[in-house]
């Protein structure tokens, strides 16, 4: 534990003397990060630097208010739908997102008042088809000639 500041000595000279003595004893040698540049040096000051550092260290994302999180989720769902393997899957992803957007209309979300429009499923499907052209469209197989159902004897007999 450090000693108390003696009376009549300014704080600056007392602290400077403690740092000088600790340096002479070698207490600052081999500290982690010694000889490395200070992270963030040269960047503008950020009051939330320690929160952002903690989020990066814990591999977390910055928590967004509900309305903004929904908007981000809608953008991600749109990108996911366009990258889907089939058009049906793209439509399913867009419809699921529309369900979450409709839920947000029924209950208020936290954050600034932002109304998220529904995703146009047909537009997503058209964009998906444009991004995934079929190399050679095969004509639909010709439908087999329709067989006439055989009339049953009773049916024929009933007409007479």
N, C-alpha and C. Protein backbone atom coordinates (compact mmCIF):
# COMPACT_ATOMS: atom_id res chain seq x y z
N UNK A 1 0.85 -1.17 0.00
CA UNK A 1 0.00 0.00 0.00
C UNK A 1 0.89 1.23 0.00
N UNK A 2 0.43 2.24 -0.71
CA UNK A 2 1.26 3.46 -0.80
C UNK A 2 1.11 4.29 0.47
N UNK A 3 2.11 5.08 0.68
CA UNK A 3 2.09 5.94 1.85
C UNK A 3 1.23 7.17 1.58
N UNK A 4 0.87 7.85 2.62
CA UNK A 4 0.06 9.06 2.48
C UNK A 4 0.94 10.22 2.06
N UNK A 5 0.32 11.18 1.39
CA UNK A 5 1.06 12.37 0.96
C UNK A 5 1.44 13.19 2.19
N UNK A 6 2.71 13.49 2.26
CA UNK A 6 3.12 14.31 3.40
C UNK A 6 2.58 15.74 3.30
N UNK A 7 2.36 16.34 4.43
CA UNK A 7 1.87 17.72 4.44
C UNK A 7 2.93 18.64 3.88
N UNK A 8 2.48 19.65 3.14
CA UNK A 8 3.40 20.64 2.61
C UNK A 8 4.02 20.26 1.28
N UNK A 9 3.75 19.06 0.77
CA UNK A 9 4.30 18.64 -0.52
C UNK A 9 3.16 18.64 -1.52
N UNK A 10 3.40 19.22 -2.69
CA UNK A 10 2.33 19.26 -3.69
C UNK A 10 2.07 17.85 -4.22
N UNK A 11 0.87 17.62 -4.70
CA UNK A 11 0.52 16.31 -5.24
C UNK A 11 1.41 15.95 -6.42
N UNK A 12 1.67 16.92 -7.29
CA UNK A 12 2.45 16.62 -8.48
C UNK A 12 3.85 16.13 -8.13
N UNK A 13 4.52 16.81 -7.26
CA UNK A 13 5.88 16.39 -6.93
C UNK A 13 5.87 15.07 -6.15
N UNK A 14 4.86 14.82 -5.33
CA UNK A 14 4.77 13.58 -4.56
C UNK A 14 4.54 12.40 -5.51
N UNK A 15 3.64 12.57 -6.50
CA UNK A 15 3.38 11.51 -7.47
C UNK A 15 4.59 11.29 -8.36
N UNK A 16 5.20 12.37 -8.80
CA UNK A 16 6.40 12.25 -9.65
C UNK A 16 7.50 11.48 -8.92
N UNK A 17 7.64 11.73 -7.64
CA UNK A 17 8.68 11.04 -6.87
C UNK A 17 8.36 9.55 -6.75
N UNK A 18 7.07 9.19 -6.55
CA UNK A 18 6.70 7.79 -6.46
C UNK A 18 6.94 7.07 -7.78
N UNK A 19 6.60 7.72 -8.90
CA UNK A 19 6.83 7.11 -10.21
C UNK A 19 8.32 6.93 -10.45
N UNK A 20 9.12 7.93 -10.13
CA UNK A 20 10.57 7.85 -10.33
C UNK A 20 11.17 6.72 -9.50
N UNK A 21 10.72 6.59 -8.25
CA UNK A 21 11.26 5.52 -7.40
C UNK A 21 10.83 4.14 -7.90
N UNK A 22 9.60 4.01 -8.36
CA UNK A 22 9.14 2.72 -8.89
C UNK A 22 9.89 2.37 -10.17
N UNK A 23 10.19 3.36 -10.98
CA UNK A 23 10.95 3.10 -12.20
C UNK A 23 12.36 2.65 -11.84
N UNK A 24 12.96 3.26 -10.86
CA UNK A 24 14.31 2.87 -10.43
C UNK A 24 14.32 1.45 -9.87
N UNK A 25 13.24 1.05 -9.20
CA UNK A 25 13.16 -0.32 -8.68
C UNK A 25 12.85 -1.34 -9.79
N UNK A 26 12.46 -0.87 -10.97
CA UNK A 26 12.18 -1.77 -12.08
C UNK A 26 10.77 -2.33 -12.08
N UNK A 27 9.84 -1.67 -11.40
CA UNK A 27 8.48 -2.17 -11.32
C UNK A 27 7.70 -2.00 -12.62
N UNK A 28 8.20 -1.18 -13.54
CA UNK A 28 7.52 -0.97 -14.81
C UNK A 28 8.13 -1.80 -15.94
N UNK A 29 9.14 -2.59 -15.62
CA UNK A 29 9.76 -3.43 -16.65
C UNK A 29 8.87 -4.63 -16.94
N UNK A 30 8.87 -5.09 -18.16
CA UNK A 30 8.14 -6.29 -18.60
C UNK A 30 6.63 -6.21 -18.35
N UNK A 31 6.07 -5.04 -18.50
CA UNK A 31 4.61 -4.92 -18.41
C UNK A 31 4.00 -5.39 -19.73
N UNK A 32 2.78 -5.94 -19.72
CA UNK A 32 2.16 -6.35 -20.98
C UNK A 32 1.96 -5.13 -21.89
N UNK A 33 2.31 -5.29 -23.14
CA UNK A 33 2.16 -4.20 -24.11
C UNK A 33 3.36 -3.27 -24.16
N UNK A 34 4.43 -3.57 -23.40
CA UNK A 34 5.60 -2.70 -23.40
C UNK A 34 6.23 -2.68 -24.78
N UNK A 35 6.52 -1.51 -25.28
CA UNK A 35 7.16 -1.36 -26.58
C UNK A 35 6.18 -1.41 -27.75
N UNK A 36 4.92 -1.60 -27.47
CA UNK A 36 3.91 -1.64 -28.53
C UNK A 36 3.20 -0.29 -28.60
N UNK A 37 2.68 0.05 -29.79
CA UNK A 37 1.97 1.34 -29.88
C UNK A 37 0.68 1.30 -29.07
N UNK A 38 0.28 2.45 -28.61
CA UNK A 38 -0.95 2.57 -27.83
C UNK A 38 -2.13 2.41 -28.79
N UNK A 39 -3.05 1.48 -28.51
CA UNK A 39 -4.18 1.30 -29.42
C UNK A 39 -5.06 2.53 -29.48
N UNK A 40 -5.47 2.90 -30.67
CA UNK A 40 -6.35 4.05 -30.85
C UNK A 40 -5.65 5.37 -30.88
N UNK A 41 -4.33 5.38 -30.80
CA UNK A 41 -3.61 6.65 -30.81
C UNK A 41 -3.74 7.27 -32.19
N UNK A 42 -4.04 8.55 -32.25
CA UNK A 42 -4.21 9.24 -33.51
C UNK A 42 -5.66 9.26 -33.98
N UNK A 43 -6.53 8.52 -33.31
CA UNK A 43 -7.95 8.52 -33.66
C UNK A 43 -8.67 9.54 -32.78
N UNK A 44 -9.82 10.04 -33.24
CA UNK A 44 -10.55 10.99 -32.41
C UNK A 44 -11.03 10.34 -31.10
N UNK A 45 -11.15 11.15 -30.08
CA UNK A 45 -11.56 10.65 -28.76
C UNK A 45 -12.99 10.13 -28.81
N UNK A 46 -13.23 8.98 -28.22
CA UNK A 46 -14.56 8.37 -28.16
C UNK A 46 -14.87 8.08 -26.70
N UNK A 47 -15.96 8.68 -26.19
CA UNK A 47 -16.33 8.47 -24.79
C UNK A 47 -16.74 7.03 -24.50
N UNK A 48 -17.18 6.30 -25.52
CA UNK A 48 -17.67 4.94 -25.33
C UNK A 48 -16.61 3.90 -25.69
N UNK A 49 -15.34 4.28 -25.69
CA UNK A 49 -14.28 3.38 -26.14
C UNK A 49 -14.23 2.10 -25.33
N UNK A 50 -14.44 2.19 -24.04
CA UNK A 50 -14.33 1.00 -23.19
C UNK A 50 -15.48 0.03 -23.42
N UNK A 51 -16.69 0.55 -23.75
CA UNK A 51 -17.83 -0.32 -24.05
C UNK A 51 -17.57 -1.06 -25.37
N UNK A 52 -17.10 -0.31 -26.36
CA UNK A 52 -16.81 -0.92 -27.66
C UNK A 52 -15.70 -1.96 -27.54
N UNK A 53 -14.69 -1.67 -26.72
CA UNK A 53 -13.60 -2.63 -26.52
C UNK A 53 -14.13 -3.90 -25.86
N UNK A 54 -15.01 -3.76 -24.89
CA UNK A 54 -15.59 -4.92 -24.20
C UNK A 54 -16.44 -5.75 -25.16
N UNK A 55 -17.23 -5.08 -26.01
CA UNK A 55 -18.05 -5.80 -26.98
C UNK A 55 -17.20 -6.57 -27.97
N UNK A 56 -16.08 -5.97 -28.42
CA UNK A 56 -15.17 -6.67 -29.33
C UNK A 56 -14.53 -7.85 -28.63
N UNK A 57 -14.10 -7.67 -27.39
CA UNK A 57 -13.43 -8.74 -26.65
C UNK A 57 -14.38 -9.91 -26.40
N UNK A 58 -15.66 -9.62 -26.17
CA UNK A 58 -16.65 -10.67 -25.90
C UNK A 58 -17.33 -11.17 -27.18
N UNK A 59 -16.92 -10.60 -28.32
CA UNK A 59 -17.48 -10.97 -29.63
C UNK A 59 -18.99 -10.76 -29.64
N UNK A 60 -19.44 -9.59 -29.15
CA UNK A 60 -20.84 -9.24 -29.12
C UNK A 60 -21.10 -8.11 -30.10
N UNK A 61 -22.34 -7.93 -30.49
CA UNK A 61 -22.68 -6.79 -31.34
C UNK A 61 -23.32 -5.72 -30.47
N UNK A 62 -23.24 -4.51 -30.93
CA UNK A 62 -23.78 -3.39 -30.17
C UNK A 62 -25.30 -3.50 -30.15
N UNK A 63 -25.91 -3.46 -28.99
CA UNK A 63 -27.37 -3.62 -28.93
C UNK A 63 -28.07 -2.42 -29.56
N UNK A 64 -28.92 -2.71 -30.53
CA UNK A 64 -29.68 -1.66 -31.20
C UNK A 64 -31.07 -1.56 -30.59
N UNK A 65 -31.70 -0.38 -30.66
CA UNK A 65 -33.10 -0.29 -30.25
C UNK A 65 -33.95 -1.18 -31.15
N UNK A 66 -35.11 -1.57 -30.67
CA UNK A 66 -35.96 -2.53 -31.37
C UNK A 66 -36.27 -2.16 -32.81
N UNK A 67 -36.63 -0.89 -33.06
CA UNK A 67 -37.00 -0.50 -34.42
C UNK A 67 -35.82 -0.59 -35.37
N UNK A 68 -34.64 -0.18 -34.90
CA UNK A 68 -33.46 -0.24 -35.76
C UNK A 68 -32.97 -1.67 -35.94
N UNK A 69 -33.13 -2.49 -34.91
CA UNK A 69 -32.76 -3.90 -35.04
C UNK A 69 -33.65 -4.59 -36.05
N UNK A 70 -34.95 -4.23 -36.08
CA UNK A 70 -35.87 -4.81 -37.06
C UNK A 70 -35.47 -4.40 -38.47
N UNK A 71 -35.09 -3.14 -38.64
CA UNK A 71 -34.67 -2.67 -39.96
C UNK A 71 -33.41 -3.42 -40.42
N UNK A 72 -32.45 -3.59 -39.51
CA UNK A 72 -31.23 -4.32 -39.86
C UNK A 72 -31.56 -5.77 -40.19
N UNK A 73 -32.45 -6.38 -39.42
CA UNK A 73 -32.86 -7.76 -39.66
C UNK A 73 -33.54 -7.90 -41.02
N UNK A 74 -34.34 -6.89 -41.40
CA UNK A 74 -35.01 -6.92 -42.71
C UNK A 74 -33.99 -6.84 -43.84
N UNK A 75 -32.97 -6.01 -43.68
CA UNK A 75 -31.92 -5.91 -44.71
C UNK A 75 -31.16 -7.23 -44.83
N UNK A 76 -30.87 -7.85 -43.69
CA UNK A 76 -30.16 -9.13 -43.71
C UNK A 76 -31.03 -10.23 -44.32
N UNK A 77 -32.34 -10.20 -44.03
CA UNK A 77 -33.25 -11.20 -44.60
C UNK A 77 -33.34 -11.04 -46.11
N UNK A 78 -33.35 -9.81 -46.59
CA UNK A 78 -33.39 -9.55 -48.03
C UNK A 78 -32.14 -10.11 -48.71
N UNK A 79 -30.98 -9.86 -48.11
CA UNK A 79 -29.73 -10.39 -48.67
C UNK A 79 -29.72 -11.91 -48.62
N UNK A 80 -30.23 -12.48 -47.53
CA UNK A 80 -30.27 -13.93 -47.40
C UNK A 80 -31.21 -14.53 -48.45
N UNK A 81 -32.34 -13.86 -48.69
CA UNK A 81 -33.30 -14.35 -49.68
C UNK A 81 -32.70 -14.33 -51.08
N UNK A 82 -31.95 -13.30 -51.39
CA UNK A 82 -31.34 -13.21 -52.72
C UNK A 82 -30.24 -14.25 -52.89
N UNK A 83 -29.66 -14.71 -51.80
CA UNK A 83 -28.62 -15.73 -51.86
C UNK A 83 -29.15 -17.14 -51.67
N UNK A 84 -30.46 -17.29 -51.58
CA UNK A 84 -31.07 -18.60 -51.36
C UNK A 84 -30.82 -19.52 -52.55
N UNK A 85 -30.95 -20.82 -52.31
CA UNK A 85 -30.69 -21.81 -53.37
C UNK A 85 -31.86 -21.94 -54.33
N UNK A 86 -33.07 -21.74 -53.83
CA UNK A 86 -34.24 -21.88 -54.70
C UNK A 86 -35.13 -20.65 -54.54
N UNK A 87 -35.98 -20.45 -55.53
CA UNK A 87 -36.91 -19.33 -55.46
C UNK A 87 -37.91 -19.53 -54.32
N UNK A 88 -38.33 -20.77 -54.12
CA UNK A 88 -39.27 -21.06 -53.03
C UNK A 88 -38.65 -20.72 -51.67
N UNK A 89 -37.38 -21.01 -51.51
CA UNK A 89 -36.70 -20.68 -50.26
C UNK A 89 -36.60 -19.17 -50.09
N UNK A 90 -36.32 -18.45 -51.18
CA UNK A 90 -36.25 -16.99 -51.13
C UNK A 90 -37.61 -16.41 -50.72
N UNK A 91 -38.68 -16.96 -51.29
CA UNK A 91 -40.02 -16.49 -50.93
C UNK A 91 -40.32 -16.79 -49.45
N UNK A 92 -39.92 -17.97 -48.97
CA UNK A 92 -40.16 -18.34 -47.59
C UNK A 92 -39.45 -17.39 -46.63
N UNK A 93 -38.19 -17.05 -46.94
CA UNK A 93 -37.42 -16.14 -46.08
C UNK A 93 -38.10 -14.77 -46.03
N UNK A 94 -38.55 -14.27 -47.19
CA UNK A 94 -39.20 -12.96 -47.24
C UNK A 94 -40.53 -13.00 -46.47
N UNK A 95 -41.28 -14.07 -46.61
CA UNK A 95 -42.56 -14.18 -45.90
C UNK A 95 -42.36 -14.25 -44.39
N UNK A 96 -41.33 -14.97 -43.94
CA UNK A 96 -41.05 -15.05 -42.50
C UNK A 96 -40.71 -13.66 -41.95
N UNK A 97 -39.92 -12.91 -42.72
CA UNK A 97 -39.55 -11.56 -42.28
C UNK A 97 -40.79 -10.67 -42.26
N UNK A 98 -41.66 -10.82 -43.24
CA UNK A 98 -42.89 -10.04 -43.25
C UNK A 98 -43.74 -10.36 -42.01
N UNK A 99 -43.73 -11.60 -41.57
CA UNK A 99 -44.45 -11.96 -40.35
C UNK A 99 -43.90 -11.23 -39.14
N UNK A 100 -42.58 -11.12 -39.04
CA UNK A 100 -41.97 -10.39 -37.91
C UNK A 100 -42.29 -8.89 -38.01
N UNK A 101 -42.32 -8.37 -39.24
CA UNK A 101 -42.64 -6.94 -39.42
C UNK A 101 -44.09 -6.69 -39.02
N UNK A 102 -45.00 -7.59 -39.42
CA UNK A 102 -46.41 -7.44 -39.03
C UNK A 102 -46.55 -7.49 -37.51
N UNK A 103 -45.80 -8.35 -36.85
CA UNK A 103 -45.82 -8.40 -35.37
C UNK A 103 -45.39 -7.06 -34.78
N UNK A 104 -44.42 -6.41 -35.41
CA UNK A 104 -43.94 -5.12 -34.89
C UNK A 104 -45.01 -4.03 -35.04
N UNK A 105 -45.93 -4.21 -36.01
CA UNK A 105 -47.02 -3.24 -36.15
C UNK A 105 -48.01 -3.38 -34.98
N UNK A 106 -48.15 -4.59 -34.45
CA UNK A 106 -49.12 -4.86 -33.39
C UNK A 106 -48.63 -4.44 -32.01
N UNK A 107 -47.33 -4.49 -31.81
CA UNK A 107 -46.79 -4.14 -30.49
C UNK A 107 -45.68 -3.11 -30.68
N UNK A 108 -45.63 -2.12 -29.81
CA UNK A 108 -44.60 -1.08 -29.98
C UNK A 108 -43.21 -1.62 -29.67
N UNK A 109 -42.24 -1.14 -30.41
CA UNK A 109 -40.85 -1.50 -30.19
C UNK A 109 -40.12 -0.32 -29.59
N UNK A 110 -39.02 -0.60 -28.92
CA UNK A 110 -38.22 0.48 -28.34
C UNK A 110 -37.45 1.18 -29.46
N UNK A 111 -37.06 2.38 -29.20
CA UNK A 111 -36.24 3.11 -30.15
C UNK A 111 -37.02 4.19 -30.88
N UNK A 112 -36.35 4.83 -31.83
CA UNK A 112 -37.01 5.91 -32.57
C UNK A 112 -38.18 5.35 -33.38
N UNK A 113 -39.20 6.17 -33.62
CA UNK A 113 -40.36 5.68 -34.37
C UNK A 113 -40.01 5.48 -35.84
N UNK A 114 -39.78 4.25 -36.22
CA UNK A 114 -39.46 3.90 -37.60
C UNK A 114 -40.44 2.83 -38.04
N UNK A 115 -41.17 3.09 -39.11
CA UNK A 115 -42.11 2.10 -39.63
C UNK A 115 -41.39 1.33 -40.74
N UNK A 116 -41.21 0.05 -40.51
CA UNK A 116 -40.53 -0.81 -41.48
C UNK A 116 -41.56 -1.30 -42.49
N UNK A 117 -41.39 -0.98 -43.78
CA UNK A 117 -42.34 -1.49 -44.77
C UNK A 117 -42.16 -2.99 -44.98
N UNK A 118 -43.24 -3.63 -45.41
CA UNK A 118 -43.17 -5.06 -45.71
C UNK A 118 -42.29 -5.29 -46.93
N UNK A 119 -41.70 -6.46 -46.99
CA UNK A 119 -40.86 -6.83 -48.13
C UNK A 119 -41.78 -7.32 -49.24
N UNK A 120 -41.58 -6.82 -50.46
CA UNK A 120 -42.36 -7.27 -51.60
C UNK A 120 -41.82 -8.62 -52.05
N UNK A 121 -42.58 -9.68 -51.78
CA UNK A 121 -42.12 -11.04 -52.05
C UNK A 121 -41.94 -11.26 -53.55
N UNK A 122 -42.86 -10.71 -54.36
CA UNK A 122 -42.76 -10.89 -55.81
C UNK A 122 -41.51 -10.18 -56.36
N UNK A 123 -41.19 -9.03 -55.78
CA UNK A 123 -39.98 -8.31 -56.20
C UNK A 123 -38.72 -9.11 -55.85
N UNK A 124 -38.71 -9.70 -54.65
CA UNK A 124 -37.59 -10.55 -54.24
C UNK A 124 -37.45 -11.72 -55.20
N UNK A 125 -38.59 -12.35 -55.55
CA UNK A 125 -38.55 -13.50 -56.46
C UNK A 125 -38.03 -13.08 -57.83
N UNK A 126 -38.44 -11.91 -58.32
CA UNK A 126 -37.95 -11.43 -59.62
C UNK A 126 -36.44 -11.16 -59.57
N UNK A 127 -35.98 -10.53 -58.48
CA UNK A 127 -34.54 -10.28 -58.34
C UNK A 127 -33.78 -11.59 -58.23
N UNK A 128 -34.36 -12.56 -57.50
CA UNK A 128 -33.70 -13.86 -57.36
C UNK A 128 -33.56 -14.53 -58.73
N UNK A 129 -34.63 -14.48 -59.54
CA UNK A 129 -34.57 -15.08 -60.88
C UNK A 129 -33.54 -14.38 -61.76
N UNK A 130 -33.41 -13.05 -61.59
CA UNK A 130 -32.41 -12.30 -62.38
C UNK A 130 -30.99 -12.68 -61.95
N UNK A 131 -30.80 -12.94 -60.67
CA UNK A 131 -29.47 -13.31 -60.17
C UNK A 131 -29.13 -14.76 -60.44
N UNK A 132 -30.13 -15.61 -60.62
CA UNK A 132 -29.92 -17.04 -60.82
C UNK A 132 -30.56 -17.48 -62.14
N UNK A 133 -30.01 -17.04 -63.27
CA UNK A 133 -30.62 -17.43 -64.54
C UNK A 133 -30.41 -18.93 -64.79
N UNK A 134 -31.40 -19.53 -65.40
CA UNK A 134 -31.30 -20.94 -65.76
C UNK A 134 -30.55 -20.99 -67.08
N UNK A 135 -29.50 -21.83 -67.13
CA UNK A 135 -28.65 -21.88 -68.32
C UNK A 135 -29.47 -22.23 -69.56
N UNK A 136 -30.26 -23.23 -69.50
CA UNK A 136 -31.05 -23.63 -70.64
C UNK A 136 -32.40 -24.09 -70.13
N UNK A 137 -33.39 -23.34 -70.44
CA UNK A 137 -34.72 -23.70 -69.97
C UNK A 137 -35.22 -24.89 -70.78
N UNK A 138 -35.53 -25.95 -70.08
CA UNK A 138 -36.05 -27.15 -70.74
C UNK A 138 -37.55 -26.96 -70.91
N UNK A 139 -38.06 -27.31 -72.08
CA UNK A 139 -39.51 -27.18 -72.24
C UNK A 139 -40.21 -28.17 -71.31
N UNK A 140 -41.36 -27.76 -70.87
CA UNK A 140 -42.12 -28.63 -69.97
C UNK A 140 -42.45 -29.92 -70.70
N UNK A 141 -42.36 -31.02 -70.03
CA UNK A 141 -42.67 -32.29 -70.70
C UNK A 141 -44.11 -32.28 -71.18
N UNK A 142 -44.29 -32.83 -72.38
CA UNK A 142 -45.64 -32.87 -72.96
C UNK A 142 -46.53 -33.72 -72.07
N UNK A 143 -47.68 -33.19 -71.84
CA UNK A 143 -48.61 -33.92 -70.97
C UNK A 143 -49.10 -35.16 -71.69
N UNK A 144 -49.19 -36.22 -70.97
CA UNK A 144 -49.69 -37.47 -71.56
C UNK A 144 -51.14 -37.26 -71.96
N UNK A 145 -51.52 -37.86 -73.08
CA UNK A 145 -52.91 -37.68 -73.50
C UNK A 145 -53.84 -38.17 -72.40
N UNK A 146 -54.85 -37.37 -72.19
CA UNK A 146 -55.77 -37.68 -71.10
C UNK A 146 -56.63 -38.89 -71.48
N UNK A 147 -56.66 -39.85 -70.62
CA UNK A 147 -57.47 -41.05 -70.87
C UNK A 147 -58.89 -40.75 -70.44
N UNK A 148 -59.78 -41.18 -71.27
CA UNK A 148 -61.19 -41.01 -70.93
C UNK A 148 -61.57 -42.06 -69.90
N UNK A 149 -62.22 -41.66 -68.89
CA UNK A 149 -62.62 -42.65 -67.90
C UNK A 149 -63.64 -43.62 -68.53
N UNK A 150 -63.46 -44.86 -68.19
CA UNK A 150 -64.39 -45.87 -68.69
C UNK A 150 -65.71 -45.71 -67.99
N UNK A 151 -66.72 -45.82 -68.79
CA UNK A 151 -68.04 -45.71 -68.19
C UNK A 151 -68.42 -47.04 -67.56
N UNK A 152 -68.91 -46.92 -66.42
CA UNK A 152 -69.29 -48.17 -65.76
C UNK A 152 -70.63 -48.65 -66.33
N UNK A 153 -70.82 -49.92 -66.23
CA UNK A 153 -72.02 -50.54 -66.77
C UNK A 153 -73.26 -49.98 -66.08
N UNK A 154 -73.18 -49.76 -64.77
CA UNK A 154 -74.33 -49.29 -64.05
C UNK A 154 -74.73 -47.87 -64.47
N UNK A 155 -73.70 -47.07 -64.74
CA UNK A 155 -73.96 -45.71 -65.17
C UNK A 155 -74.70 -45.72 -66.52
N UNK A 156 -74.20 -46.58 -67.40
CA UNK A 156 -74.82 -46.68 -68.72
C UNK A 156 -76.24 -47.23 -68.59
N UNK A 157 -76.36 -48.18 -67.72
CA UNK A 157 -77.65 -48.82 -67.54
C UNK A 157 -78.65 -47.83 -66.92
N UNK A 158 -78.16 -46.96 -66.04
CA UNK A 158 -79.01 -45.99 -65.37
C UNK A 158 -79.59 -44.97 -66.35
N UNK A 159 -78.89 -44.68 -67.44
CA UNK A 159 -79.37 -43.71 -68.39
C UNK A 159 -80.58 -44.23 -69.17
N UNK A 160 -80.60 -45.54 -69.39
CA UNK A 160 -81.67 -46.12 -70.20
C UNK A 160 -82.92 -46.05 -69.49
